[in-house]
Amino acid sequence: MPYAPRPEAPRCAVVDLGSNSVRLVVFEGLGRNPVAIFNEKAVLRLGRGLDSTGLLNEDGVAQALTVMNRYHAIARAMGAAPFEALATAAVRDARNGPAFVATLEQMMPGVAIRILTGEQEADFSAAGLLCGIPSADGILADIGGGSLEVVRLDNGQRGEARSLPLGVIRLAERAGADPVRARALAEADLATVPWLSAGGGRDLYLVGGAWRALARIHIAQTGYPLSMIHHYTINREEARDLTGVIAAASAKMLAGISVVPRKRVGDLPFAAVVLRRLLRATAARRVVFSANGLREGWYMERIDAATAAQDPLLAAGHELARQFGRDPSLPPALLRWTDPLFPGQTGEARRLREAACWMSDIGSHDHPEYRAEQAFLRIVRQPGIGLDHHARASLGLTLAVRYEAEPDAPFLASIRGLLGEDSIREALILGCALRLAYTLSAGTPDLLAHTRLHLNQELTLLLAEGTGVFAGESVTRRLDRLAFALGVPAATRTEV
């Protein structure tokens, strides 16, 4: 009997029927950040040989029918509705694409199978990227097996879009498997998109499995502390160096890279060629890798406009507070209570502080001996897309300190390199302040309301007399710790 999802957490499923791979993702809930509870991929290379034959690969089609039958069964068993399939470049360009879709429709009656135009594919990719990076500014490049979609982004607004025949499979076939010839083809195709130069001094956002494989290589080579591709960012010169190494590497050398799936090895030189030409065409200052794309864009179609307009970081904070916190009315009070410690704070810094307040009780149900490390790991390894790497590191350090971790605790060493000294200091101050607030209030806004902080030449804790809050040993110790982080002396005063 199929699973019946909870009413507050409906499920939906989408298949990305691509030129290289076919992937099923099942999402749960309709919150601001997609929550994927199942993800399975099969590399079928439907687009292999398409450039020369005009047809979908025969072996790939046979395998696709088997795989799609499985995906349909999974979606039904998991209670996912709607269940849809999005077919991209190979299916839309192949002469036998319509016949293949007709067979799928007969095999899976009632399942919507949408053959996307290049423009529609670009739209979904842009929506998926903006889901996690709402203010993205620059050029989006989504590479698949059959095509490359490029989209102009202006501070979160989608602009012009083009689909080019520069997917890794198609480019390799057009170039006769010669990376040198592929460079000329990529340069010529990109030259037909004059607005790519609008990326000068801005960011180049990369979506697609071939790009993700390049990111994994760079993460492994540099010993980067987070094994997370989403939001992984490198500068222009690092990206150029990476593409140069990959494009010049032998097949044997690439096959020896453990972090790259074996079926991706042949794609890497052509992905590197396209990226290097994109760097030249856009003059981008940085490359930002995204794990989001077409599938998350499809998900964003499912949610209402008010939810879509939410800040993804704060939405993640609200969701964590709902799951793990004890009183959802406390975080806004914590934000106001810590205001005196950060006078004039605005923008991203205040946004991070607000998120930390929402996440500040996520260890309430954990074992006391492990709360600090567990809270840290829960944030740093949180799969939600509302967190870039700086936010993960900053919030992780803040919450570890909130649960009384020492700043030099071994488990914190991995992320300290992601933060500058100013960010570390702010995280330590906020973590100490949150710990003091919970000690005073027992995690309740009613008790917190009888206390306040004043910061001038010293840090003063003001307590309302006869309200159940007082400066006991634990309060004094934590107040001193906060004052030390601020670099001022501490004092306590009772108010009538």
Protein backbone atom coordinates (compact mmCIF):
# COMPACT_ATOMS: atom_id res chain seq x y z
CA MET A 1 0.00 0.00 0.00
CA PRO A 2 1.49 3.41 -0.95
CA TYR A 3 2.70 5.63 1.85
CA ALA A 4 0.28 8.43 2.77
CA PRO A 5 2.31 11.62 3.39
CA ARG A 6 1.43 13.77 6.37
CA PRO A 7 -0.86 16.65 5.31
CA GLU A 8 1.72 19.21 6.45
CA ALA A 9 4.47 17.47 4.46
CA PRO A 10 3.12 16.52 1.02
CA ARG A 11 5.49 14.88 -1.41
CA CYS A 12 6.19 15.54 -5.07
CA ALA A 13 8.63 13.95 -7.49
CA VAL A 14 10.39 14.95 -10.67
CA VAL A 15 12.57 13.12 -13.18
CA ASP A 16 15.27 15.04 -15.02
CA LEU A 17 15.47 13.09 -18.27
CA GLY A 18 18.77 14.40 -19.57
CA SER A 19 21.16 13.65 -22.39
CA ASN A 20 23.71 12.08 -20.07
CA SER A 21 21.82 10.94 -16.99
CA VAL A 22 18.30 10.36 -15.71
CA ARG A 23 17.62 11.38 -12.11
CA LEU A 24 14.62 11.07 -9.81
CA VAL A 25 14.22 13.43 -6.86
CA VAL A 26 11.39 13.19 -4.33
CA PHE A 27 10.76 16.37 -2.33
CA GLU A 28 8.90 16.55 0.97
CA GLY A 29 6.97 19.59 2.16
CA LEU A 30 6.26 22.93 0.54
CA GLY A 31 8.69 25.11 2.47
CA ARG A 32 11.01 27.77 1.12
CA ASN A 33 13.97 25.38 0.93
CA PRO A 34 13.47 22.14 -1.02
CA VAL A 35 13.92 19.04 1.12
CA ALA A 36 14.95 16.07 -1.02
CA ILE A 37 14.17 12.81 0.77
CA PHE A 38 15.11 10.54 -2.14
CA ASN A 39 17.59 11.03 -4.97
CA GLU A 40 18.63 8.40 -7.50
CA LYS A 41 20.55 8.73 -10.75
CA ALA A 42 21.24 6.44 -13.68
CA VAL A 43 23.84 7.38 -16.30
CA LEU A 44 22.26 6.22 -19.59
CA ARG A 45 23.82 8.65 -22.09
CA LEU A 46 20.65 8.96 -24.16
CA GLY A 47 22.34 11.66 -26.24
CA ARG A 48 25.34 9.57 -27.29
CA GLY A 49 25.60 9.54 -31.09
CA LEU A 50 22.80 12.10 -31.49
CA ASP A 51 24.99 14.58 -33.35
CA SER A 52 25.77 12.06 -36.09
CA THR A 53 22.57 9.98 -36.22
CA GLY A 54 19.90 12.46 -35.15
CA LEU A 55 18.49 9.71 -32.92
CA LEU A 56 18.48 8.84 -29.24
CA ASN A 57 20.97 6.14 -28.32
CA GLU A 58 19.25 2.76 -28.76
CA ASP A 59 20.80 1.15 -25.68
CA GLY A 60 20.04 4.22 -23.64
CA VAL A 61 16.39 4.17 -24.67
CA ALA A 62 16.01 0.53 -23.63
CA GLN A 63 17.60 1.22 -20.26
CA ALA A 64 15.56 4.40 -19.82
CA LEU A 65 12.30 2.48 -20.11
CA THR A 66 13.40 0.13 -17.33
CA VAL A 67 14.65 2.99 -15.15
CA MET A 68 11.55 5.11 -15.68
CA ASN A 69 9.34 2.17 -14.75
CA ARG A 70 11.29 1.91 -11.48
CA TYR A 71 11.06 5.65 -10.83
CA HIS A 72 7.32 5.56 -11.42
CA ALA A 73 6.98 2.71 -8.91
CA ILE A 74 9.09 4.58 -6.35
CA ALA A 75 7.05 7.76 -6.69
CA ARG A 76 3.79 5.85 -6.23
CA ALA A 77 5.11 3.85 -3.25
CA MET A 78 6.34 7.04 -1.56
CA GLY A 79 3.02 8.80 -2.11
CA ALA A 80 4.52 11.55 -4.28
CA ALA A 81 2.06 13.64 -6.27
CA PRO A 82 2.51 15.19 -8.68
CA PHE A 83 5.08 13.02 -10.39
CA GLU A 84 6.43 14.57 -13.59
CA ALA A 85 9.31 14.08 -16.01
CA LEU A 86 11.24 16.91 -17.67
CA ALA A 87 12.96 15.91 -20.92
CA THR A 88 15.79 18.13 -22.08
CA ALA A 89 18.16 18.52 -25.06
CA ALA A 90 18.52 14.94 -26.29
CA VAL A 91 14.79 14.20 -26.36
CA ARG A 92 13.81 17.56 -27.85
CA ASP A 93 16.46 17.34 -30.60
CA ALA A 94 16.19 13.67 -31.56
CA ARG A 95 13.94 12.61 -34.43
CA ASN A 96 12.72 9.69 -32.34
CA GLY A 97 12.23 11.85 -29.24
CA PRO A 98 8.42 12.12 -29.68
CA ALA A 99 8.11 8.35 -30.17
CA PHE A 100 10.16 7.75 -27.01
CA VAL A 101 7.91 10.08 -25.04
CA ALA A 102 4.80 8.40 -26.44
CA THR A 103 6.11 5.05 -25.21
CA LEU A 104 6.73 6.50 -21.76
CA GLU A 105 3.24 8.00 -21.66
CA GLN A 106 1.72 4.64 -22.56
CA MET A 107 3.83 2.92 -19.90
CA MET A 108 2.99 5.54 -17.23
CA PRO A 109 -0.54 6.77 -17.89
CA GLY A 110 -1.35 10.04 -16.20
CA VAL A 111 2.28 11.05 -15.73
CA ALA A 112 3.10 14.42 -17.29
CA ILE A 113 6.19 14.29 -19.51
CA ARG A 114 7.28 17.75 -20.59
CA ILE A 115 9.73 18.20 -23.45
CA LEU A 116 11.39 21.47 -22.53
CA THR A 117 12.56 24.02 -25.04
CA GLY A 118 15.99 25.48 -24.50
CA GLU A 119 14.34 28.62 -23.11
CA GLN A 120 12.23 26.61 -20.67
CA GLU A 121 15.25 24.61 -19.54
CA ALA A 122 17.09 27.86 -18.88
CA ASP A 123 14.08 29.18 -16.93
CA PHE A 124 14.02 26.14 -14.65
CA SER A 125 17.77 26.28 -14.09
CA ALA A 126 17.63 29.98 -13.22
CA ALA A 127 14.70 29.43 -10.83
CA GLY A 128 16.62 26.62 -9.14
CA LEU A 129 19.75 28.71 -8.71
CA LEU A 130 17.81 31.73 -7.42
CA CYS A 131 16.02 29.45 -4.97
CA GLY A 132 19.27 29.20 -3.02
CA ILE A 133 21.06 32.39 -4.10
CA PRO A 134 18.25 34.96 -4.48
CA SER A 135 20.57 37.88 -5.21
CA ALA A 136 22.73 36.07 -7.78
CA ASP A 137 24.39 38.59 -10.07
CA GLY A 138 26.28 37.60 -13.20
CA ILE A 139 25.95 34.71 -15.63
CA LEU A 140 24.43 31.28 -15.04
CA ALA A 141 25.80 28.38 -17.10
CA ASP A 142 24.01 25.02 -16.87
CA ILE A 143 25.87 22.25 -18.67
CA GLY A 144 24.35 18.90 -19.53
CA GLY A 145 25.15 16.16 -21.96
CA GLY A 146 23.45 17.79 -24.95
CA SER A 147 23.33 21.52 -24.32
CA LEU A 148 24.63 24.47 -22.35
CA GLU A 149 22.07 26.98 -21.10
CA VAL A 150 23.36 30.46 -20.29
CA VAL A 151 21.26 33.03 -18.48
CA ARG A 152 21.97 36.64 -17.58
CA LEU A 153 21.21 37.46 -13.94
CA ASP A 154 20.98 40.99 -12.56
CA ASN A 155 20.72 41.07 -8.76
CA GLY A 156 18.36 38.13 -8.70
CA GLN A 157 16.41 39.09 -11.80
CA ARG A 158 16.50 36.75 -14.78
CA GLY A 159 17.47 38.33 -18.08
CA GLU A 160 18.27 36.99 -21.55
CA ALA A 161 18.84 33.26 -22.03
CA ARG A 162 20.31 31.05 -24.76
CA SER A 163 20.70 27.33 -25.30
CA LEU A 164 23.89 26.25 -27.10
CA PRO A 165 25.00 22.82 -28.41
CA LEU A 166 27.86 22.67 -25.90
CA GLY A 167 26.81 19.81 -23.66
CA VAL A 168 29.75 17.54 -22.89
CA ILE A 169 28.55 14.60 -25.01
CA ARG A 170 27.54 16.71 -27.98
CA LEU A 171 30.68 18.84 -27.90
CA ALA A 172 32.90 15.76 -27.77
CA GLU A 173 31.12 14.30 -30.80
CA ARG A 174 31.15 17.56 -32.75
CA ALA A 175 34.88 17.85 -32.07
CA GLY A 176 35.70 14.25 -32.90
CA ALA A 177 36.83 13.78 -29.29
CA ASP A 178 39.57 16.39 -29.85
CA PRO A 179 39.74 18.98 -27.03
CA VAL A 180 41.69 21.39 -29.25
CA ARG A 181 38.94 21.42 -31.84
CA ALA A 182 36.39 21.63 -29.02
CA ARG A 183 37.97 24.91 -27.88
CA ALA A 184 37.34 26.48 -31.27
CA LEU A 185 33.76 25.22 -31.36
CA ALA A 186 33.03 26.48 -27.87
CA GLU A 187 34.57 29.87 -28.57
CA ALA A 188 32.57 30.25 -31.78
CA ASP A 189 29.27 29.29 -30.14
CA LEU A 190 29.79 31.56 -27.15
CA ALA A 191 30.68 34.44 -29.45
CA THR A 192 27.06 34.36 -30.71
CA VAL A 193 25.90 35.52 -27.26
CA PRO A 194 27.14 39.11 -26.98
CA TRP A 195 25.62 39.77 -23.55
CA LEU A 196 27.94 37.24 -21.90
CA SER A 197 30.36 40.14 -21.51
CA ALA A 198 27.92 41.57 -18.94
CA GLY A 199 29.48 39.08 -16.54
CA GLY A 200 32.65 41.19 -16.30
CA GLY A 201 33.72 41.58 -12.68
CA ARG A 202 30.71 39.59 -11.49
CA ASP A 203 30.09 35.90 -10.74
CA LEU A 204 29.79 32.89 -13.03
CA TYR A 205 27.32 30.39 -11.53
CA LEU A 206 27.83 26.79 -12.62
CA VAL A 207 25.07 24.18 -12.65
CA GLY A 208 25.35 20.60 -13.90
CA GLY A 209 27.02 17.30 -13.10
CA ALA A 210 30.16 17.92 -15.18
CA TRP A 211 30.81 21.18 -13.34
CA ARG A 212 30.21 19.46 -9.99
CA ALA A 213 32.85 16.88 -10.89
CA LEU A 214 35.35 19.71 -11.43
CA ALA A 215 34.42 21.19 -8.06
CA ARG A 216 35.02 17.84 -6.33
CA ILE A 217 38.49 17.69 -7.83
CA HIS A 218 39.35 21.19 -6.64
CA ILE A 219 37.98 20.53 -3.14
CA ALA A 220 40.10 17.38 -2.89
CA GLN A 221 43.23 19.05 -4.29
CA THR A 222 43.09 22.01 -1.93
CA GLY A 223 42.03 20.16 1.21
CA TYR A 224 39.02 22.45 1.57
CA PRO A 225 37.34 21.85 4.96
CA LEU A 226 33.77 21.37 3.67
CA SER A 227 32.96 18.57 1.24
CA MET A 228 30.03 20.53 -0.14
CA ILE A 229 29.74 21.67 -3.72
CA HIS A 230 26.76 23.97 -3.25
CA HIS A 231 28.06 27.53 -2.83
CA TYR A 232 31.68 26.39 -3.28
CA THR A 233 33.44 29.48 -4.64
CA ILE A 234 36.84 29.95 -6.27
CA ASN A 235 38.40 32.98 -7.90
CA ARG A 236 38.99 33.41 -11.62
CA GLU A 237 42.65 32.38 -11.56
CA GLU A 238 41.93 29.25 -9.54
CA ALA A 239 39.27 28.28 -12.07
CA ARG A 240 41.65 28.90 -14.98
CA ASP A 241 44.33 26.77 -13.35
CA LEU A 242 41.84 23.97 -12.73
CA THR A 243 40.62 23.93 -16.32
CA GLY A 244 44.18 23.95 -17.60
CA VAL A 245 45.13 20.92 -15.53
CA ILE A 246 42.01 18.95 -16.46
CA ALA A 247 42.15 19.77 -20.16
CA ALA A 248 45.79 18.66 -20.37
CA ALA A 249 45.44 15.51 -18.22
CA SER A 250 45.54 12.06 -19.79
CA ALA A 251 42.57 9.73 -19.56
CA LYS A 252 44.59 7.48 -17.26
CA MET A 253 45.35 10.37 -14.92
CA LEU A 254 41.70 11.46 -14.81
CA ALA A 255 40.57 7.88 -14.19
CA GLY A 256 42.83 7.81 -11.14
CA ILE A 257 41.02 10.69 -9.42
CA SER A 258 38.97 8.93 -6.76
CA VAL A 259 36.42 11.71 -6.23
CA VAL A 260 35.21 11.57 -9.85
CA PRO A 261 32.65 8.93 -10.92
CA ARG A 262 34.13 6.65 -13.56
CA LYS A 263 31.41 7.50 -16.07
CA ARG A 264 32.31 11.20 -15.79
CA VAL A 265 35.98 10.82 -16.72
CA GLY A 266 35.48 11.22 -20.46
CA ASP A 267 33.40 14.35 -19.96
CA LEU A 268 35.92 16.25 -17.86
CA PRO A 269 38.21 17.64 -20.61
CA PHE A 270 35.21 19.03 -22.50
CA ALA A 271 33.67 20.50 -19.36
CA ALA A 272 37.03 22.15 -18.69
CA VAL A 273 37.18 23.52 -22.25
CA VAL A 274 33.73 25.09 -21.98
CA LEU A 275 34.49 26.58 -18.58
CA ARG A 276 37.74 28.12 -19.78
CA ARG A 277 35.98 29.70 -22.79
CA LEU A 278 33.20 30.95 -20.49
CA LEU A 279 35.75 32.59 -18.21
CA ARG A 280 37.15 34.40 -21.23
CA ALA A 281 33.75 35.38 -22.65
CA THR A 282 32.32 36.61 -19.34
CA ALA A 283 35.46 38.00 -17.64
CA ALA A 284 33.85 36.80 -14.40
CA ARG A 285 35.74 37.49 -11.18
CA ARG A 286 34.63 34.32 -9.41
CA VAL A 287 33.08 30.92 -10.08
CA VAL A 288 30.26 29.79 -7.79
CA PHE A 289 29.20 26.15 -8.02
CA SER A 290 25.57 25.26 -7.42
CA ALA A 291 24.02 21.91 -6.57
CA ASN A 292 20.67 23.44 -7.51
CA GLY A 293 19.27 23.64 -10.96
CA LEU A 294 16.43 22.37 -13.08
CA ARG A 295 14.87 20.07 -10.47
CA GLU A 296 14.80 22.74 -7.76
CA GLY A 297 13.40 25.16 -10.32
CA TRP A 298 10.57 22.71 -10.92
CA TYR A 299 10.00 22.52 -7.16
CA MET A 300 9.74 26.31 -6.95
CA GLU A 301 6.75 26.11 -9.31
CA ARG A 302 4.92 24.14 -6.63
CA ILE A 303 5.13 26.67 -3.78
CA ASP A 304 3.08 29.82 -3.32
CA ALA A 305 4.43 33.30 -4.03
CA ALA A 306 4.60 34.33 -0.36
CA THR A 307 6.74 31.30 0.51
CA ALA A 308 8.96 31.80 -2.53
CA ALA A 309 9.61 35.40 -1.43
CA GLN A 310 11.05 34.34 1.94
CA ASP A 311 14.74 34.66 2.72
CA PRO A 312 16.08 31.08 2.38
CA LEU A 313 18.53 31.44 5.27
CA LEU A 314 15.91 32.77 7.69
CA ALA A 315 13.40 30.22 6.44
CA ALA A 316 15.92 27.49 7.29
CA GLY A 317 16.31 29.03 10.74
CA HIS A 318 12.55 29.05 11.30
CA GLU A 319 12.30 25.42 10.23
CA LEU A 320 15.12 24.33 12.56
CA ALA A 321 13.47 26.23 15.42
CA ARG A 322 10.20 24.45 14.68
CA GLN A 323 11.89 21.04 14.63
CA PHE A 324 14.25 21.37 17.59
CA GLY A 325 13.45 24.49 19.61
CA ARG A 326 11.34 24.67 22.76
CA ASP A 327 9.64 28.06 22.32
CA PRO A 328 9.20 29.59 18.84
CA SER A 329 8.46 33.01 20.35
CA LEU A 330 11.94 33.28 21.90
CA PRO A 331 14.16 33.95 18.82
CA PRO A 332 12.74 37.43 18.04
CA ALA A 333 13.22 38.34 21.69
CA LEU A 334 16.83 37.13 21.53
CA LEU A 335 17.46 39.31 18.50
CA ARG A 336 16.25 42.40 20.38
CA TRP A 337 18.11 41.38 23.55
CA THR A 338 21.45 41.15 21.71
CA ASP A 339 20.98 44.44 19.80
CA PRO A 340 23.03 46.49 22.32
CA LEU A 341 26.07 44.31 21.64
CA PHE A 342 26.06 45.14 17.93
CA PRO A 343 25.20 48.84 17.61
CA GLY A 344 24.40 49.94 14.08
CA GLN A 345 24.63 46.42 12.69
CA THR A 346 22.83 46.02 9.35
CA GLY A 347 22.85 43.92 6.20
CA GLU A 348 24.39 40.47 6.06
CA ALA A 349 25.82 40.61 9.59
CA ARG A 350 22.41 41.31 11.13
CA ARG A 351 20.84 38.65 8.92
CA LEU A 352 23.31 36.07 10.25
CA ARG A 353 22.62 37.15 13.83
CA GLU A 354 18.90 36.78 13.28
CA ALA A 355 19.43 33.31 11.82
CA ALA A 356 21.60 32.37 14.81
CA CYS A 357 18.83 33.43 17.19
CA TRP A 358 16.37 31.20 15.36
CA MET A 359 18.79 28.27 15.43
CA SER A 360 20.00 28.83 18.98
CA ASP A 361 17.98 26.05 20.66
CA ILE A 362 18.66 23.22 18.23
CA GLY A 363 20.63 21.25 20.84
CA SER A 364 17.87 21.27 23.43
CA HIS A 365 17.06 17.59 22.95
CA ASP A 366 20.64 16.33 22.56
CA HIS A 367 22.86 14.70 25.19
CA PRO A 368 24.42 17.48 27.31
CA GLU A 369 27.96 16.19 26.76
CA TYR A 370 27.60 16.44 22.99
CA ARG A 371 25.33 19.44 22.47
CA ALA A 372 28.08 21.80 21.31
CA GLU A 373 29.51 19.45 18.69
CA GLN A 374 26.10 18.16 17.63
CA ALA A 375 24.75 21.71 17.13
CA PHE A 376 27.87 22.63 15.19
CA LEU A 377 27.59 19.60 12.91
CA ARG A 378 23.87 20.07 12.42
CA ILE A 379 24.50 23.54 11.01
CA VAL A 380 27.71 22.94 9.10
CA ARG A 381 26.32 19.80 7.46
CA GLN A 382 22.77 21.05 7.09
CA PRO A 383 21.55 20.03 3.61
CA GLY A 384 19.28 23.06 3.27
CA ILE A 385 20.25 25.42 0.48
CA GLY A 386 19.84 28.66 2.42
CA LEU A 387 23.39 28.48 3.79
CA ASP A 388 26.54 29.51 1.95
CA HIS A 389 29.88 28.33 3.32
CA HIS A 390 30.62 31.51 5.25
CA ALA A 391 27.19 31.36 6.89
CA ARG A 392 27.69 27.70 7.77
CA ALA A 393 31.02 28.41 9.42
CA SER A 394 29.83 31.53 11.23
CA LEU A 395 26.62 29.98 12.52
CA GLY A 396 28.36 26.72 13.40
CA LEU A 397 30.94 28.54 15.53
CA THR A 398 28.27 30.72 17.15
CA LEU A 399 26.14 27.75 18.18
CA ALA A 400 29.09 25.71 19.40
CA VAL A 401 30.07 28.58 21.70
CA ARG A 402 26.42 29.02 22.72
CA TYR A 403 26.69 25.45 24.05
CA GLU A 404 29.99 26.33 25.81
CA ALA A 405 32.51 24.88 23.38
CA GLU A 406 35.96 26.41 23.74
CA PRO A 407 36.93 28.45 20.66
CA ASP A 408 39.96 26.20 20.13
CA ALA A 409 37.98 22.94 20.38
CA PRO A 410 39.37 20.43 17.85
CA PHE A 411 36.05 19.99 16.05
CA LEU A 412 36.00 23.73 15.26
CA ALA A 413 39.42 23.76 13.60
CA SER A 414 38.06 22.75 10.20
CA ILE A 415 36.00 25.91 9.70
CA ARG A 416 38.11 28.62 11.29
CA GLY A 417 39.96 29.11 8.01
CA LEU A 418 36.66 30.06 6.33
CA LEU A 419 36.21 33.07 8.62
CA GLY A 420 38.15 36.29 9.04
CA GLU A 421 39.09 37.60 12.46
CA ASP A 422 36.15 40.02 12.57
CA SER A 423 33.68 37.21 11.79
CA ILE A 424 35.24 34.96 14.44
CA ARG A 425 35.02 37.72 17.04
CA GLU A 426 31.34 38.41 16.24
CA ALA A 427 30.54 34.70 16.40
CA LEU A 428 32.24 34.40 19.80
CA ILE A 429 30.40 37.44 21.17
CA LEU A 430 27.03 36.25 19.93
CA GLY A 431 27.60 32.69 21.11
CA CYS A 432 28.51 33.90 24.60
CA ALA A 433 25.50 36.24 24.65
CA LEU A 434 23.10 33.46 23.66
CA ARG A 435 24.50 31.19 26.35
CA LEU A 436 23.96 33.93 28.96
CA ALA A 437 20.43 34.59 27.69
CA TYR A 438 19.41 30.93 28.01
CA THR A 439 20.96 30.69 31.47
CA LEU A 440 18.96 33.71 32.64
CA SER A 441 15.68 32.83 30.96
CA ALA A 442 15.54 29.02 30.95
CA GLY A 443 14.73 29.43 27.27
CA THR A 444 11.55 31.46 27.88
CA PRO A 445 10.75 34.96 26.59
CA ASP A 446 8.86 35.81 29.80
CA LEU A 447 11.97 35.58 31.99
CA LEU A 448 14.23 37.12 29.36
CA ALA A 449 11.97 40.19 29.34
CA HIS A 450 13.07 40.93 32.92
CA THR A 451 16.70 41.34 31.85
CA ARG A 452 18.61 43.56 29.50
CA LEU A 453 22.16 44.43 28.48
CA HIS A 454 23.84 47.82 28.32
CA LEU A 455 27.21 48.30 26.66
CA ASN A 456 29.33 51.40 27.01
CA GLN A 457 32.69 51.44 28.76
CA GLU A 458 31.56 48.28 30.51
CA LEU A 459 29.00 45.55 29.93
CA THR A 460 26.14 45.88 32.40
CA LEU A 461 23.54 43.20 33.00
CA LEU A 462 20.33 44.77 34.31
CA LEU A 463 17.96 42.49 36.25
CA ALA A 464 14.43 43.28 37.38
CA GLU A 465 14.03 42.71 41.10
CA GLY A 466 11.74 39.94 42.34
CA THR A 467 11.12 38.34 38.96
CA GLY A 468 12.95 35.04 39.33
CA VAL A 469 16.14 36.14 37.59
CA PHE A 470 19.29 36.79 39.61
CA ALA A 471 23.05 36.88 39.19
CA GLY A 472 24.02 33.47 40.52
CA GLU A 473 27.39 31.84 39.95
CA SER A 474 26.56 30.49 36.49
CA VAL A 475 25.15 33.84 35.34
CA THR A 476 28.19 35.73 36.64
CA ARG A 477 30.59 33.32 34.97
CA ARG A 478 28.86 33.59 31.62
CA LEU A 479 28.54 37.35 31.88
CA ASP A 480 32.29 37.56 32.51
CA ARG A 481 32.96 35.39 29.50
CA LEU A 482 30.83 37.65 27.29
CA ALA A 483 32.55 40.76 28.65
CA PHE A 484 35.95 39.20 27.95
CA ALA A 485 34.92 38.54 24.33
CA LEU A 486 33.88 42.21 24.08
CA GLY A 487 37.09 43.42 25.74
CA VAL A 488 35.35 45.34 28.54
CA PRO A 489 34.71 44.80 32.28
CA ALA A 490 31.40 43.36 33.48
CA ALA A 491 28.90 44.62 36.05
CA THR A 492 25.46 43.63 37.32
CA ARG A 493 22.73 45.95 38.56
CA THR A 494 19.25 45.25 39.91
CA GLU A 495 16.35 47.45 38.81
CA VAL A 496 13.21 47.98 40.84
